[in-house]
Amino acid sequence: MVKGLLEGTGEGDGALEGVQEGEVERPSHSADQDGNWQINLSELLRVIQFFNFGGYHCALPGEVSEDGYIPGFEGDKSCISHGSDYNPQDWVISLSELLRLIQFFNMGGYHPCSDGEDGYCGGV
């Protein structure tokens, strides 16, 4: 056996802590502005704003934005789309996409997982 081959593995199934076997490390959801793996009320309301405006677009340099996006469909779309915009990715937050974020809010958090329709699963 090569020395160090098992370095970084823990007891049990050999998965690294925080990343399950076969999973890719994924950044926090773009709605989660403080990156704490929870959706708080102000973060949820921001995505509801995009839903109510019928879309969103990228904030350009000089535009005031807390998350890099501006409500409203018309505008620049050269940035990475919002994490809530996934089915399909069309610069519009649909009701089902909004309800997905509400699930994370109601469950007290979310985490990356390959089984999730958007790359995340609810719960901490």
N, C-alpha and C. Protein backbone atom coordinates (compact mmCIF):
# COMPACT_ATOMS: atom_id res chain seq x y z
N MET A 1 0.86 -1.18 0.00
CA MET A 1 0.00 0.00 0.00
C MET A 1 0.90 1.24 0.00
N VAL A 2 0.54 2.25 -0.76
CA VAL A 2 1.30 3.48 -0.84
C VAL A 2 1.01 4.33 0.39
N LYS A 3 2.08 4.80 1.03
CA LYS A 3 1.91 5.63 2.21
C LYS A 3 1.14 6.88 1.84
N GLY A 4 0.13 7.22 2.66
CA GLY A 4 -0.67 8.42 2.43
C GLY A 4 -1.87 8.19 1.53
N LEU A 5 -2.03 6.98 1.01
CA LEU A 5 -3.15 6.71 0.12
C LEU A 5 -4.49 6.97 0.78
N LEU A 6 -4.59 6.63 2.06
CA LEU A 6 -5.86 6.82 2.77
C LEU A 6 -5.94 8.15 3.50
N GLU A 7 -4.95 8.98 3.34
CA GLU A 7 -4.95 10.27 4.01
C GLU A 7 -6.18 11.07 3.60
N GLY A 8 -6.84 11.67 4.58
CA GLY A 8 -8.02 12.47 4.30
C GLY A 8 -9.32 11.71 4.38
N THR A 9 -9.26 10.40 4.59
CA THR A 9 -10.50 9.65 4.74
C THR A 9 -10.80 9.48 6.21
N GLY A 10 -12.07 9.40 6.53
CA GLY A 10 -12.48 9.24 7.92
C GLY A 10 -12.95 7.82 8.16
N GLU A 11 -13.44 7.60 9.37
CA GLU A 11 -13.97 6.30 9.70
C GLU A 11 -15.29 6.10 8.97
N GLY A 12 -15.67 4.89 8.78
CA GLY A 12 -16.95 4.60 8.14
C GLY A 12 -16.77 4.29 6.67
N ASP A 13 -17.53 5.00 5.83
CA ASP A 13 -17.54 4.64 4.41
C ASP A 13 -16.40 5.26 3.60
N GLY A 14 -15.53 6.02 4.22
CA GLY A 14 -14.40 6.58 3.50
C GLY A 14 -14.67 7.92 2.85
N ALA A 15 -15.89 8.46 2.99
CA ALA A 15 -16.20 9.75 2.40
C ALA A 15 -15.54 10.86 3.21
N LEU A 16 -15.11 11.90 2.54
CA LEU A 16 -14.54 13.05 3.22
C LEU A 16 -15.64 13.81 3.94
N GLU A 17 -15.29 14.38 5.07
CA GLU A 17 -16.28 15.13 5.83
C GLU A 17 -16.81 16.28 5.01
N GLY A 18 -18.13 16.44 4.97
CA GLY A 18 -18.76 17.54 4.26
C GLY A 18 -19.04 17.26 2.79
N VAL A 19 -18.40 16.30 2.19
CA VAL A 19 -18.63 15.95 0.80
C VAL A 19 -18.91 14.46 0.75
N GLN A 20 -20.07 14.08 0.28
CA GLN A 20 -20.44 12.68 0.19
C GLN A 20 -19.78 12.03 -1.02
N GLU A 21 -19.61 10.73 -0.97
CA GLU A 21 -18.99 9.99 -2.06
C GLU A 21 -19.74 10.26 -3.36
N GLY A 22 -19.00 10.59 -4.42
CA GLY A 22 -19.60 10.84 -5.72
C GLY A 22 -20.15 12.24 -5.89
N GLU A 23 -20.07 13.08 -4.87
CA GLU A 23 -20.60 14.43 -4.95
C GLU A 23 -19.51 15.42 -5.30
N VAL A 24 -19.86 16.46 -5.97
CA VAL A 24 -18.94 17.53 -6.31
C VAL A 24 -19.18 18.67 -5.33
N GLU A 25 -18.09 19.22 -4.81
CA GLU A 25 -18.24 20.35 -3.90
C GLU A 25 -18.88 21.49 -4.68
N ARG A 26 -19.91 22.10 -4.13
CA ARG A 26 -20.71 23.11 -4.81
C ARG A 26 -20.77 24.35 -3.93
N PRO A 27 -20.71 25.52 -4.52
CA PRO A 27 -20.81 26.74 -3.71
C PRO A 27 -22.23 26.92 -3.16
N SER A 28 -22.36 27.81 -2.20
CA SER A 28 -23.70 28.09 -1.67
C SER A 28 -24.58 28.69 -2.77
N HIS A 29 -25.87 28.59 -2.58
CA HIS A 29 -26.87 29.08 -3.52
C HIS A 29 -26.72 30.59 -3.68
N SER A 30 -26.93 31.10 -4.87
CA SER A 30 -26.77 32.55 -5.08
C SER A 30 -27.81 33.37 -4.32
N ALA A 31 -28.92 32.78 -3.91
CA ALA A 31 -29.88 33.49 -3.06
C ALA A 31 -29.35 33.67 -1.65
N ASP A 32 -28.44 32.80 -1.25
CA ASP A 32 -27.87 32.79 0.10
C ASP A 32 -26.72 33.80 0.16
N GLN A 33 -27.05 35.06 0.32
CA GLN A 33 -26.06 36.13 0.21
C GLN A 33 -24.98 36.08 1.26
N ASP A 34 -25.27 35.56 2.45
CA ASP A 34 -24.24 35.49 3.49
C ASP A 34 -23.54 34.12 3.51
N GLY A 35 -23.95 33.21 2.63
CA GLY A 35 -23.27 31.93 2.48
C GLY A 35 -23.31 31.02 3.68
N ASN A 36 -24.38 31.11 4.49
CA ASN A 36 -24.47 30.29 5.70
C ASN A 36 -25.30 29.02 5.52
N TRP A 37 -25.62 28.67 4.29
CA TRP A 37 -26.39 27.47 3.94
C TRP A 37 -27.80 27.49 4.51
N GLN A 38 -28.32 28.71 4.71
CA GLN A 38 -29.70 28.92 5.13
C GLN A 38 -30.26 30.07 4.30
N ILE A 39 -31.55 30.01 4.00
CA ILE A 39 -32.22 31.11 3.30
C ILE A 39 -33.02 31.87 4.34
N ASN A 40 -32.60 33.12 4.59
CA ASN A 40 -33.35 33.92 5.55
C ASN A 40 -34.44 34.71 4.83
N LEU A 41 -35.27 35.40 5.58
CA LEU A 41 -36.43 36.08 5.00
C LEU A 41 -36.02 37.14 3.98
N SER A 42 -35.02 37.94 4.26
CA SER A 42 -34.63 38.97 3.30
C SER A 42 -34.09 38.35 2.01
N GLU A 43 -33.38 37.24 2.11
CA GLU A 43 -32.88 36.55 0.92
C GLU A 43 -34.03 35.97 0.10
N LEU A 44 -35.02 35.42 0.77
CA LEU A 44 -36.21 34.90 0.09
C LEU A 44 -36.98 36.03 -0.58
N LEU A 45 -37.14 37.14 0.12
CA LEU A 45 -37.88 38.28 -0.45
C LEU A 45 -37.20 38.83 -1.70
N ARG A 46 -35.87 38.75 -1.74
CA ARG A 46 -35.15 39.22 -2.92
C ARG A 46 -35.54 38.39 -4.14
N VAL A 47 -35.63 37.08 -4.00
CA VAL A 47 -36.00 36.22 -5.12
C VAL A 47 -37.49 36.41 -5.46
N ILE A 48 -38.32 36.66 -4.47
CA ILE A 48 -39.73 36.98 -4.73
C ILE A 48 -39.81 38.27 -5.56
N GLN A 49 -38.91 39.20 -5.32
CA GLN A 49 -38.86 40.43 -6.11
C GLN A 49 -38.60 40.11 -7.59
N PHE A 50 -37.65 39.22 -7.85
CA PHE A 50 -37.39 38.82 -9.24
C PHE A 50 -38.61 38.16 -9.86
N PHE A 51 -39.28 37.32 -9.09
CA PHE A 51 -40.50 36.65 -9.55
C PHE A 51 -41.57 37.70 -9.90
N ASN A 52 -41.78 38.65 -9.00
CA ASN A 52 -42.81 39.67 -9.22
C ASN A 52 -42.50 40.60 -10.39
N PHE A 53 -41.22 40.83 -10.67
CA PHE A 53 -40.83 41.71 -11.78
C PHE A 53 -40.82 40.97 -13.12
N GLY A 54 -41.06 39.68 -13.12
CA GLY A 54 -41.10 38.92 -14.36
C GLY A 54 -39.74 38.57 -14.92
N GLY A 55 -38.71 38.69 -14.09
CA GLY A 55 -37.37 38.32 -14.53
C GLY A 55 -36.31 39.12 -13.79
N TYR A 56 -35.09 38.93 -14.23
CA TYR A 56 -33.94 39.62 -13.64
C TYR A 56 -32.85 39.67 -14.69
N HIS A 57 -31.86 40.48 -14.45
CA HIS A 57 -30.69 40.55 -15.33
C HIS A 57 -29.47 40.94 -14.51
N CYS A 58 -28.32 40.94 -15.16
CA CYS A 58 -27.05 41.21 -14.47
C CYS A 58 -26.93 42.70 -14.14
N ALA A 59 -26.40 42.98 -12.98
CA ALA A 59 -26.09 44.36 -12.62
C ALA A 59 -24.83 44.78 -13.36
N LEU A 60 -24.86 45.93 -13.98
CA LEU A 60 -23.70 46.46 -14.67
C LEU A 60 -22.85 47.27 -13.69
N PRO A 61 -21.58 47.46 -13.97
CA PRO A 61 -20.75 48.29 -13.09
C PRO A 61 -21.41 49.65 -12.87
N GLY A 62 -21.46 50.05 -11.61
CA GLY A 62 -22.08 51.32 -11.25
C GLY A 62 -23.53 51.19 -10.81
N GLU A 63 -24.19 50.07 -11.15
CA GLU A 63 -25.56 49.85 -10.70
C GLU A 63 -25.53 49.29 -9.28
N VAL A 64 -26.42 49.77 -8.45
CA VAL A 64 -26.48 49.31 -7.07
C VAL A 64 -27.24 47.99 -7.01
N SER A 65 -26.57 46.96 -6.46
CA SER A 65 -27.18 45.64 -6.35
C SER A 65 -26.54 44.90 -5.18
N GLU A 66 -27.36 44.29 -4.35
CA GLU A 66 -26.84 43.55 -3.20
C GLU A 66 -26.30 42.17 -3.58
N ASP A 67 -26.68 41.68 -4.77
CA ASP A 67 -26.33 40.31 -5.14
C ASP A 67 -25.83 40.15 -6.57
N GLY A 68 -25.65 41.26 -7.28
CA GLY A 68 -25.16 41.19 -8.65
C GLY A 68 -26.25 41.11 -9.70
N TYR A 69 -27.52 41.21 -9.27
CA TYR A 69 -28.65 41.12 -10.19
C TYR A 69 -29.57 42.33 -10.00
N ILE A 70 -30.33 42.63 -11.05
CA ILE A 70 -31.31 43.72 -11.05
C ILE A 70 -32.66 43.13 -11.44
N PRO A 71 -33.74 43.48 -10.73
CA PRO A 71 -35.07 43.00 -11.13
C PRO A 71 -35.46 43.53 -12.51
N GLY A 72 -36.19 42.74 -13.25
CA GLY A 72 -36.65 43.11 -14.57
C GLY A 72 -35.96 42.28 -15.64
N PHE A 73 -36.72 41.82 -16.61
CA PHE A 73 -36.19 40.91 -17.62
C PHE A 73 -35.22 41.58 -18.58
N GLU A 74 -35.52 42.81 -18.99
CA GLU A 74 -34.69 43.50 -19.98
C GLU A 74 -33.38 43.97 -19.36
N GLY A 75 -32.28 43.64 -20.01
CA GLY A 75 -30.98 44.07 -19.53
C GLY A 75 -29.90 43.04 -19.85
N ASP A 76 -28.71 43.30 -19.36
CA ASP A 76 -27.54 42.46 -19.63
C ASP A 76 -27.71 41.06 -19.04
N LYS A 77 -27.35 40.06 -19.81
CA LYS A 77 -27.45 38.66 -19.34
C LYS A 77 -26.13 37.93 -19.58
N SER A 78 -25.02 38.63 -19.39
CA SER A 78 -23.71 38.02 -19.62
C SER A 78 -23.09 37.42 -18.36
N CYS A 79 -23.73 37.57 -17.22
CA CYS A 79 -23.22 37.01 -15.98
C CYS A 79 -23.78 35.60 -15.76
N ILE A 80 -23.35 34.95 -14.72
CA ILE A 80 -23.88 33.63 -14.36
C ILE A 80 -25.31 33.81 -13.86
N SER A 81 -26.20 32.98 -14.32
CA SER A 81 -27.60 33.09 -13.92
C SER A 81 -27.78 32.78 -12.43
N HIS A 82 -28.88 33.22 -11.88
CA HIS A 82 -29.21 33.03 -10.47
C HIS A 82 -29.47 31.55 -10.21
N GLY A 83 -29.11 31.06 -9.03
CA GLY A 83 -29.30 29.66 -8.67
C GLY A 83 -30.75 29.21 -8.65
N SER A 84 -31.68 30.14 -8.49
CA SER A 84 -33.09 29.78 -8.49
C SER A 84 -33.65 29.62 -9.90
N ASP A 85 -32.91 30.04 -10.88
CA ASP A 85 -33.34 30.00 -12.28
C ASP A 85 -32.71 28.78 -12.95
N TYR A 86 -33.39 27.63 -12.87
CA TYR A 86 -32.77 26.39 -13.34
C TYR A 86 -33.68 25.50 -14.18
N ASN A 87 -34.97 25.74 -14.24
CA ASN A 87 -35.87 24.80 -14.91
C ASN A 87 -36.95 25.50 -15.74
N PRO A 88 -36.66 25.98 -16.92
CA PRO A 88 -35.34 26.09 -17.57
C PRO A 88 -34.64 27.36 -17.12
N GLN A 89 -33.36 27.45 -17.42
CA GLN A 89 -32.61 28.67 -17.14
C GLN A 89 -32.99 29.66 -18.24
N ASP A 90 -33.81 30.65 -17.86
CA ASP A 90 -34.35 31.58 -18.85
C ASP A 90 -34.44 33.03 -18.36
N TRP A 91 -33.74 33.37 -17.28
CA TRP A 91 -33.72 34.71 -16.70
C TRP A 91 -35.07 35.12 -16.13
N VAL A 92 -35.90 34.12 -15.84
CA VAL A 92 -37.21 34.32 -15.20
C VAL A 92 -37.29 33.32 -14.06
N ILE A 93 -37.75 33.78 -12.89
CA ILE A 93 -37.98 32.87 -11.76
C ILE A 93 -39.45 32.44 -11.83
N SER A 94 -39.67 31.17 -12.13
CA SER A 94 -41.03 30.64 -12.23
C SER A 94 -41.57 30.34 -10.83
N LEU A 95 -42.86 30.07 -10.76
CA LEU A 95 -43.47 29.74 -9.47
C LEU A 95 -42.83 28.48 -8.88
N SER A 96 -42.61 27.46 -9.68
CA SER A 96 -42.01 26.23 -9.15
C SER A 96 -40.58 26.47 -8.66
N GLU A 97 -39.83 27.33 -9.34
CA GLU A 97 -38.47 27.66 -8.91
C GLU A 97 -38.51 28.45 -7.59
N LEU A 98 -39.47 29.35 -7.47
CA LEU A 98 -39.64 30.12 -6.23
C LEU A 98 -40.04 29.19 -5.08
N LEU A 99 -40.94 28.27 -5.34
CA LEU A 99 -41.37 27.34 -4.30
C LEU A 99 -40.22 26.46 -3.82
N ARG A 100 -39.28 26.17 -4.69
CA ARG A 100 -38.09 25.39 -4.30
C ARG A 100 -37.30 26.16 -3.25
N LEU A 101 -37.11 27.46 -3.45
CA LEU A 101 -36.39 28.27 -2.48
C LEU A 101 -37.18 28.39 -1.17
N ILE A 102 -38.49 28.47 -1.27
CA ILE A 102 -39.33 28.51 -0.07
C ILE A 102 -39.17 27.21 0.73
N GLN A 103 -39.00 26.08 0.04
CA GLN A 103 -38.72 24.82 0.74
C GLN A 103 -37.45 24.94 1.59
N PHE A 104 -36.40 25.49 1.02
CA PHE A 104 -35.14 25.65 1.75
C PHE A 104 -35.34 26.57 2.96
N PHE A 105 -36.10 27.63 2.77
CA PHE A 105 -36.41 28.56 3.86
C PHE A 105 -37.15 27.82 4.98
N ASN A 106 -38.17 27.07 4.61
CA ASN A 106 -38.99 26.36 5.60
C ASN A 106 -38.24 25.23 6.29
N MET A 107 -37.26 24.63 5.62
CA MET A 107 -36.52 23.51 6.18
C MET A 107 -35.33 23.96 7.03
N GLY A 108 -35.11 25.24 7.10
CA GLY A 108 -34.03 25.76 7.95
C GLY A 108 -32.65 25.67 7.33
N GLY A 109 -32.58 25.28 6.07
CA GLY A 109 -31.30 25.22 5.40
C GLY A 109 -31.34 24.32 4.19
N TYR A 110 -30.19 24.17 3.57
CA TYR A 110 -30.04 23.34 2.38
C TYR A 110 -28.59 22.89 2.31
N HIS A 111 -28.31 21.95 1.44
CA HIS A 111 -26.94 21.47 1.26
C HIS A 111 -26.79 20.95 -0.17
N PRO A 112 -25.56 20.88 -0.66
CA PRO A 112 -25.36 20.37 -2.01
C PRO A 112 -25.66 18.88 -2.07
N CYS A 113 -26.30 18.45 -3.13
CA CYS A 113 -26.52 17.02 -3.34
C CYS A 113 -26.84 16.77 -4.81
N SER A 114 -26.37 15.66 -5.30
CA SER A 114 -26.56 15.34 -6.71
C SER A 114 -28.00 14.92 -7.02
N ASP A 115 -28.76 14.52 -6.01
CA ASP A 115 -30.14 14.10 -6.22
C ASP A 115 -31.11 15.27 -6.35
N GLY A 116 -30.70 16.47 -5.96
CA GLY A 116 -31.58 17.63 -6.00
C GLY A 116 -31.78 18.12 -7.42
N GLU A 117 -32.98 18.54 -7.72
CA GLU A 117 -33.30 19.00 -9.08
C GLU A 117 -32.45 20.20 -9.49
N ASP A 118 -31.93 20.92 -8.53
CA ASP A 118 -31.10 22.10 -8.80
C ASP A 118 -29.69 21.98 -8.24
N GLY A 119 -29.33 20.77 -7.82
CA GLY A 119 -28.01 20.54 -7.25
C GLY A 119 -27.95 20.69 -5.75
N TYR A 120 -29.11 20.96 -5.13
CA TYR A 120 -29.20 21.13 -3.68
C TYR A 120 -30.34 20.29 -3.14
N CYS A 121 -30.28 19.97 -1.85
CA CYS A 121 -31.37 19.32 -1.15
C CYS A 121 -31.67 20.12 0.10
N GLY A 122 -32.90 20.08 0.54
CA GLY A 122 -33.30 20.80 1.73
C GLY A 122 -32.80 20.16 3.00
N GLY A 123 -32.62 20.96 4.02
CA GLY A 123 -32.15 20.49 5.32
C GLY A 123 -30.68 20.75 5.52
N VAL A 124 -30.31 20.81 6.78
CA VAL A 124 -28.89 21.08 7.09
C VAL A 124 -28.10 19.80 7.15
